[in-house]
All heavy atoms as atom14 arrays in JSON, in Angstrom:
{
  "sequence": "PQVVEGLQGRPFRAPLTRMRETVDIVRLAFA",
  "atom14_mask": [
    [1, 1, 1, 1, 1, 1, 1, 0, 0, 0, 0, 0, 0, 0],
    [1, 1, 1, 1, 1, 1, 1, 1, 1, 0, 0, 0, 0, 0],
    [1, 1, 1, 1, 1, 1, 1, 0, 0, 0, 0, 0, 0, 0],
    [1, 1, 1, 1, 1, 1, 1, 0, 0, 0, 0, 0, 0, 0],
    [1, 1, 1, 1, 1, 1, 1, 1, 1, 0, 0, 0, 0, 0],
    [1, 1, 1, 1, 0, 0, 0, 0, 0, 0, 0, 0, 0, 0],
    [1, 1, 1, 1, 1, 1, 1, 1, 0, 0, 0, 0, 0, 0],
    [1, 1, 1, 1, 1, 1, 1, 1, 1, 0, 0, 0, 0, 0],
    [1, 1, 1, 1, 0, 0, 0, 0, 0, 0, 0, 0, 0, 0],
    [1, 1, 1, 1, 1, 1, 1, 1, 1, 1, 1, 0, 0, 0],
    [1, 1, 1, 1, 1, 1, 1, 0, 0, 0, 0, 0, 0, 0],
    [1, 1, 1, 1, 1, 1, 1, 1, 1, 1, 1, 0, 0, 0],
    [1, 1, 1, 1, 1, 1, 1, 1, 1, 1, 1, 0, 0, 0],
    [1, 1, 1, 1, 1, 0, 0, 0, 0, 0, 0, 0, 0, 0],
    [1, 1, 1, 1, 1, 1, 1, 0, 0, 0, 0, 0, 0, 0],
    [1, 1, 1, 1, 1, 1, 1, 1, 0, 0, 0, 0, 0, 0],
    [1, 1, 1, 1, 1, 1, 1, 0, 0, 0, 0, 0, 0, 0],
    [1, 1, 1, 1, 1, 1, 1, 1, 1, 1, 1, 0, 0, 0],
    [1, 1, 1, 1, 1, 1, 1, 1, 0, 0, 0, 0, 0, 0],
    [1, 1, 1, 1, 1, 1, 1, 1, 1, 1, 1, 0, 0, 0],
    [1, 1, 1, 1, 1, 1, 1, 1, 1, 0, 0, 0, 0, 0],
    [1, 1, 1, 1, 1, 1, 1, 0, 0, 0, 0, 0, 0, 0],
    [1, 1, 1, 1, 1, 1, 1, 0, 0, 0, 0, 0, 0, 0],
    [1, 1, 1, 1, 1, 1, 1, 1, 0, 0, 0, 0, 0, 0],
    [1, 1, 1, 1, 1, 1, 1, 1, 0, 0, 0, 0, 0, 0],
    [1, 1, 1, 1, 1, 1, 1, 0, 0, 0, 0, 0, 0, 0],
    [1, 1, 1, 1, 1, 1, 1, 1, 1, 1, 1, 0, 0, 0],
    [1, 1, 1, 1, 1, 1, 1, 1, 0, 0, 0, 0, 0, 0],
    [1, 1, 1, 1, 1, 0, 0, 0, 0, 0, 0, 0, 0, 0],
    [1, 1, 1, 1, 1, 1, 1, 1, 1, 1, 1, 0, 0, 0],
    [1, 1, 1, 1, 1, 0, 0, 0, 0, 0, 0, 0, 0, 0]
  ],
  "atom14_positions": [
    [[108.43, 123.51, 93.4], [108.33, 122.11, 93.85], [108.03, 121.15, 92.7], [108.49, 120.0, 92.74], [107.23, 122.15, 94.91], [106.45, 123.41, 94.64], [107.43, 124.37, 94.12], [0.0, 0.0, 0.0], [0.0, 0.0, 0.0], [0.0, 0.0, 0.0], [0.0, 0.0, 0.0], [0.0, 0.0, 0.0], [0.0, 0.0, 0.0], [0.0, 0.0, 0.0]],
    [[107.24, 121.52, 91.72], [106.91, 120.61, 90.66], [108.15, 120.21, 89.88], [108.33, 119.03, 89.5], [105.86, 121.16, 89.72], [104.46, 121.25, 90.37], [103.38, 121.55, 89.36], [103.65, 121.98, 88.25], [102.11, 121.3, 89.72], [0.0, 0.0, 0.0], [0.0, 0.0, 0.0], [0.0, 0.0, 0.0], [0.0, 0.0, 0.0], [0.0, 0.0, 0.0]],
    [[109.01, 121.17, 89.59], [110.24, 120.87, 88.85], [111.29, 120.21, 89.76], [111.85, 119.19, 89.42], [110.81, 122.17, 88.22], [112.18, 121.9, 87.63], [109.86, 122.7, 87.17], [0.0, 0.0, 0.0], [0.0, 0.0, 0.0], [0.0, 0.0, 0.0], [0.0, 0.0, 0.0], [0.0, 0.0, 0.0], [0.0, 0.0, 0.0], [0.0, 0.0, 0.0]],
    [[111.49, 120.78, 90.96], [112.55, 120.27, 91.84], [112.24, 118.85, 92.26], [113.13, 117.97, 92.22], [112.68, 121.23, 93.06], [113.67, 120.61, 94.08], [113.19, 122.58, 92.61], [0.0, 0.0, 0.0], [0.0, 0.0, 0.0], [0.0, 0.0, 0.0], [0.0, 0.0, 0.0], [0.0, 0.0, 0.0], [0.0, 0.0, 0.0], [0.0, 0.0, 0.0]],
    [[111.05, 118.62, 92.7], [110.7, 117.26, 93.19], [110.21, 116.34, 92.1], [110.5, 115.13, 92.14], [109.63, 117.4, 94.32], [110.11, 118.17, 95.5], [109.11, 118.28, 96.65], [107.93, 117.89, 96.41], [109.51, 118.67, 97.75], [0.0, 0.0, 0.0], [0.0, 0.0, 0.0], [0.0, 0.0, 0.0], [0.0, 0.0, 0.0], [0.0, 0.0, 0.0]],
    [[109.54, 116.91, 91.09], [108.99, 116.05, 90.04], [110.0, 115.71, 88.97], [110.03, 114.56, 88.45], [0.0, 0.0, 0.0], [0.0, 0.0, 0.0], [0.0, 0.0, 0.0], [0.0, 0.0, 0.0], [0.0, 0.0, 0.0], [0.0, 0.0, 0.0], [0.0, 0.0, 0.0], [0.0, 0.0, 0.0], [0.0, 0.0, 0.0], [0.0, 0.0, 0.0]],
    [[110.88, 116.64, 88.62], [111.84, 116.41, 87.59], [113.25, 116.1, 88.08], [113.91, 115.17, 87.6], [111.91, 117.67, 86.67], [112.82, 117.57, 85.47], [112.33, 116.51, 84.49], [112.91, 118.94, 84.72], [0.0, 0.0, 0.0], [0.0, 0.0, 0.0], [0.0, 0.0, 0.0], [0.0, 0.0, 0.0], [0.0, 0.0, 0.0], [0.0, 0.0, 0.0]],
    [[113.71, 116.87, 89.1], [115.05, 116.63, 89.63], [115.09, 115.56, 90.7], [116.17, 115.1, 91.06], [115.61, 117.96, 90.14], [115.54, 119.1, 89.15], [116.34, 118.9, 87.89], [117.09, 117.96, 87.79], [116.13, 119.76, 86.91], [0.0, 0.0, 0.0], [0.0, 0.0, 0.0], [0.0, 0.0, 0.0], [0.0, 0.0, 0.0], [0.0, 0.0, 0.0]],
    [[113.96, 115.26, 91.32], [113.91, 114.25, 92.38], [114.62, 114.7, 93.63], [115.15, 113.9, 94.42], [0.0, 0.0, 0.0], [0.0, 0.0, 0.0], [0.0, 0.0, 0.0], [0.0, 0.0, 0.0], [0.0, 0.0, 0.0], [0.0, 0.0, 0.0], [0.0, 0.0, 0.0], [0.0, 0.0, 0.0], [0.0, 0.0, 0.0], [0.0, 0.0, 0.0]],
    [[114.62, 116.03, 93.92], [115.21, 116.58, 95.08], [114.15, 117.2, 95.95], [113.14, 117.71, 95.46], [116.24, 117.68, 94.73], [117.33, 117.22, 93.75], [118.16, 116.14, 94.31], [118.84, 116.55, 95.51], [119.45, 115.72, 96.34], [119.37, 114.36, 96.14], [120.05, 116.18, 97.43], [0.0, 0.0, 0.0], [0.0, 0.0, 0.0], [0.0, 0.0, 0.0]],
    [[114.33, 117.19, 97.29], [113.31, 117.8, 98.16], [113.34, 119.31, 97.97], [114.39, 119.92, 97.79], [113.74, 117.43, 99.56], [115.19, 117.08, 99.45], [115.41, 116.53, 98.04], [0.0, 0.0, 0.0], [0.0, 0.0, 0.0], [0.0, 0.0, 0.0], [0.0, 0.0, 0.0], [0.0, 0.0, 0.0], [0.0, 0.0, 0.0], [0.0, 0.0, 0.0]],
    [[112.16, 119.95, 98.06], [112.07, 121.39, 97.87], [112.1, 122.18, 99.19], [112.29, 123.39, 99.18], [110.76, 121.74, 97.11], [110.66, 123.18, 96.73], [111.48, 123.75, 95.76], [109.75, 124.03, 97.4], [111.43, 125.09, 95.43], [109.65, 125.36, 97.09], [110.48, 125.91, 96.09], [0.0, 0.0, 0.0], [0.0, 0.0, 0.0], [0.0, 0.0, 0.0]],
    [[111.95, 121.48, 100.31], [111.84, 122.2, 101.58], [113.05, 123.09, 101.84], [114.14, 122.87, 101.35], [111.71, 121.18, 102.74], [112.95, 120.35, 102.98], [112.75, 119.36, 104.12], [113.95, 118.58, 104.39], [114.32, 117.49, 103.72], [113.58, 117.05, 102.73], [115.45, 116.87, 104.06], [0.0, 0.0, 0.0], [0.0, 0.0, 0.0], [0.0, 0.0, 0.0]],
    [[112.79, 124.17, 102.56], [113.81, 125.16, 102.92], [114.57, 125.69, 101.73], [115.8, 125.67, 101.73], [114.76, 124.56, 103.96], [0.0, 0.0, 0.0], [0.0, 0.0, 0.0], [0.0, 0.0, 0.0], [0.0, 0.0, 0.0], [0.0, 0.0, 0.0], [0.0, 0.0, 0.0], [0.0, 0.0, 0.0], [0.0, 0.0, 0.0], [0.0, 0.0, 0.0]],
    [[113.88, 126.16, 100.7], [114.59, 126.65, 99.47], [115.57, 127.77, 99.71], [116.63, 127.85, 99.1], [113.47, 127.02, 98.54], [112.31, 127.3, 99.4], [112.45, 126.34, 100.55], [0.0, 0.0, 0.0], [0.0, 0.0, 0.0], [0.0, 0.0, 0.0], [0.0, 0.0, 0.0], [0.0, 0.0, 0.0], [0.0, 0.0, 0.0], [0.0, 0.0, 0.0]],
    [[115.2, 128.7, 100.66], [116.11, 129.82, 100.86], [117.42, 129.36, 101.55], [118.49, 129.87, 101.22], [115.4, 130.89, 101.73], [116.26, 132.11, 102.08], [116.85, 132.77, 100.83], [115.39, 133.11, 102.88], [0.0, 0.0, 0.0], [0.0, 0.0, 0.0], [0.0, 0.0, 0.0], [0.0, 0.0, 0.0], [0.0, 0.0, 0.0], [0.0, 0.0, 0.0]],
    [[117.31, 128.42, 102.48], [118.53, 127.89, 103.1], [119.38, 127.22, 102.07], [120.63, 127.4, 102.06], [118.16, 126.87, 104.2], [117.37, 127.51, 105.18], [119.42, 126.33, 104.86], [0.0, 0.0, 0.0], [0.0, 0.0, 0.0], [0.0, 0.0, 0.0], [0.0, 0.0, 0.0], [0.0, 0.0, 0.0], [0.0, 0.0, 0.0], [0.0, 0.0, 0.0]],
    [[118.82, 126.5, 101.14], [119.56, 125.85, 100.06], [120.22, 126.9, 99.19], [121.35, 126.74, 98.76], [118.65, 124.95, 99.22], [118.1, 123.74, 100.01], [117.1, 122.98, 99.13], [116.46, 121.92, 99.9], [116.93, 120.7, 100.05], [118.08, 120.39, 99.51], [116.29, 119.81, 100.75], [0.0, 0.0, 0.0], [0.0, 0.0, 0.0], [0.0, 0.0, 0.0]],
    [[119.49, 127.99, 98.94], [120.07, 129.05, 98.09], [121.28, 129.67, 98.79], [122.37, 129.9, 98.22], [119.0, 130.14, 97.82], [119.56, 131.36, 97.09], [119.92, 131.03, 95.35], [118.28, 131.28, 94.67], [0.0, 0.0, 0.0], [0.0, 0.0, 0.0], [0.0, 0.0, 0.0], [0.0, 0.0, 0.0], [0.0, 0.0, 0.0], [0.0, 0.0, 0.0]],
    [[121.11, 129.98, 100.1], [122.26, 130.6, 100.84], [123.47, 129.68, 100.8], [124.58, 130.15, 100.62], [121.86, 130.82, 102.31], [120.89, 131.97, 102.54], [120.57, 132.07, 104.04], [119.71, 133.22, 104.33], [120.15, 134.43, 104.6], [121.48, 134.66, 104.6], [119.32, 135.41, 104.87], [0.0, 0.0, 0.0], [0.0, 0.0, 0.0], [0.0, 0.0, 0.0]],
    [[123.25, 128.37, 101.05], [124.38, 127.47, 101.07], [125.05, 127.37, 99.7], [126.28, 127.31, 99.6], [123.92, 126.09, 101.57], [123.49, 126.1, 103.03], [123.16, 124.72, 103.57], [123.41, 123.72, 102.85], [122.68, 124.63, 104.7], [0.0, 0.0, 0.0], [0.0, 0.0, 0.0], [0.0, 0.0, 0.0], [0.0, 0.0, 0.0], [0.0, 0.0, 0.0]],
    [[124.22, 127.36, 98.66], [124.8, 127.27, 97.3], [125.65, 128.5, 97.04], [126.79, 128.39, 96.56], [123.64, 127.22, 96.29], [122.94, 125.95, 96.46], [124.19, 127.25, 94.86], [0.0, 0.0, 0.0], [0.0, 0.0, 0.0], [0.0, 0.0, 0.0], [0.0, 0.0, 0.0], [0.0, 0.0, 0.0], [0.0, 0.0, 0.0], [0.0, 0.0, 0.0]],
    [[125.13, 129.71, 97.35], [125.92, 130.92, 97.08], [127.17, 130.96, 97.93], [128.26, 131.37, 97.45], [125.03, 132.17, 97.37], [125.88, 133.44, 97.3], [123.88, 132.24, 96.36], [0.0, 0.0, 0.0], [0.0, 0.0, 0.0], [0.0, 0.0, 0.0], [0.0, 0.0, 0.0], [0.0, 0.0, 0.0], [0.0, 0.0, 0.0], [0.0, 0.0, 0.0]],
    [[127.08, 130.48, 99.18], [128.27, 130.47, 100.05], [129.37, 129.59, 99.41], [130.58, 129.95, 99.36], [127.94, 129.89, 101.42], [127.13, 130.86, 102.28], [127.05, 132.04, 101.94], [126.58, 130.39, 103.28], [0.0, 0.0, 0.0], [0.0, 0.0, 0.0], [0.0, 0.0, 0.0], [0.0, 0.0, 0.0], [0.0, 0.0, 0.0], [0.0, 0.0, 0.0]],
    [[128.96, 128.41, 98.94], [129.97, 127.47, 98.4], [130.53, 127.98, 97.07], [131.72, 127.91, 96.79], [129.35, 126.07, 98.22], [128.99, 125.5, 99.6], [130.29, 125.13, 97.45], [128.14, 124.25, 99.54], [0.0, 0.0, 0.0], [0.0, 0.0, 0.0], [0.0, 0.0, 0.0], [0.0, 0.0, 0.0], [0.0, 0.0, 0.0], [0.0, 0.0, 0.0]],
    [[129.65, 128.55, 96.24], [130.11, 129.13, 94.97], [131.11, 130.25, 95.21], [132.14, 130.34, 94.53], [128.87, 129.63, 94.16], [129.34, 130.54, 93.02], [128.08, 128.45, 93.63], [0.0, 0.0, 0.0], [0.0, 0.0, 0.0], [0.0, 0.0, 0.0], [0.0, 0.0, 0.0], [0.0, 0.0, 0.0], [0.0, 0.0, 0.0], [0.0, 0.0, 0.0]],
    [[130.86, 131.09, 96.2], [131.78, 132.16, 96.45], [133.12, 131.67, 96.99], [134.16, 132.27, 96.71], [131.15, 133.17, 97.46], [130.0, 133.98, 96.87], [129.8, 135.27, 97.6], [128.64, 136.0, 97.2], [128.55, 136.74, 96.11], [129.61, 136.87, 95.31], [127.44, 137.42, 95.79], [0.0, 0.0, 0.0], [0.0, 0.0, 0.0], [0.0, 0.0, 0.0]],
    [[133.12, 130.59, 97.76], [134.36, 129.97, 98.16], [135.21, 129.57, 96.95], [136.4, 129.81, 96.85], [134.13, 128.74, 99.01], [133.7, 128.97, 100.51], [133.34, 127.64, 101.12], [134.83, 129.66, 101.29], [0.0, 0.0, 0.0], [0.0, 0.0, 0.0], [0.0, 0.0, 0.0], [0.0, 0.0, 0.0], [0.0, 0.0, 0.0], [0.0, 0.0, 0.0]],
    [[134.5, 128.93, 96.0], [135.2, 128.51, 94.78], [135.69, 129.71, 93.98], [136.84, 129.73, 93.43], [134.3, 127.66, 93.93], [0.0, 0.0, 0.0], [0.0, 0.0, 0.0], [0.0, 0.0, 0.0], [0.0, 0.0, 0.0], [0.0, 0.0, 0.0], [0.0, 0.0, 0.0], [0.0, 0.0, 0.0], [0.0, 0.0, 0.0], [0.0, 0.0, 0.0]],
    [[134.84, 130.74, 93.84], [135.21, 131.93, 93.05], [136.43, 132.61, 93.69], [137.27, 133.24, 93.0], [134.08, 132.95, 93.06], [132.96, 132.56, 92.08], [133.0, 131.39, 91.36], [131.89, 133.41, 91.94], [131.97, 131.08, 90.49], [130.84, 133.1, 91.09], [130.9, 131.94, 90.34], [0.0, 0.0, 0.0], [0.0, 0.0, 0.0], [0.0, 0.0, 0.0]],
    [[136.56, 132.52, 94.99], [137.7, 133.15, 95.71], [139.0, 132.32, 95.6], [140.05, 132.74, 96.08], [137.35, 133.36, 97.19], [0.0, 0.0, 0.0], [0.0, 0.0, 0.0], [0.0, 0.0, 0.0], [0.0, 0.0, 0.0], [0.0, 0.0, 0.0], [0.0, 0.0, 0.0], [0.0, 0.0, 0.0], [0.0, 0.0, 0.0], [0.0, 0.0, 0.0]]
  ]
}
């Protein structure tokens, strides 16, 4: 949270959901 919210200015809540969505989208592009 210190880096994500303090440096990137993005909310940190639900990090695992964000990770799942990121991997899903990346795999679409890789395919």
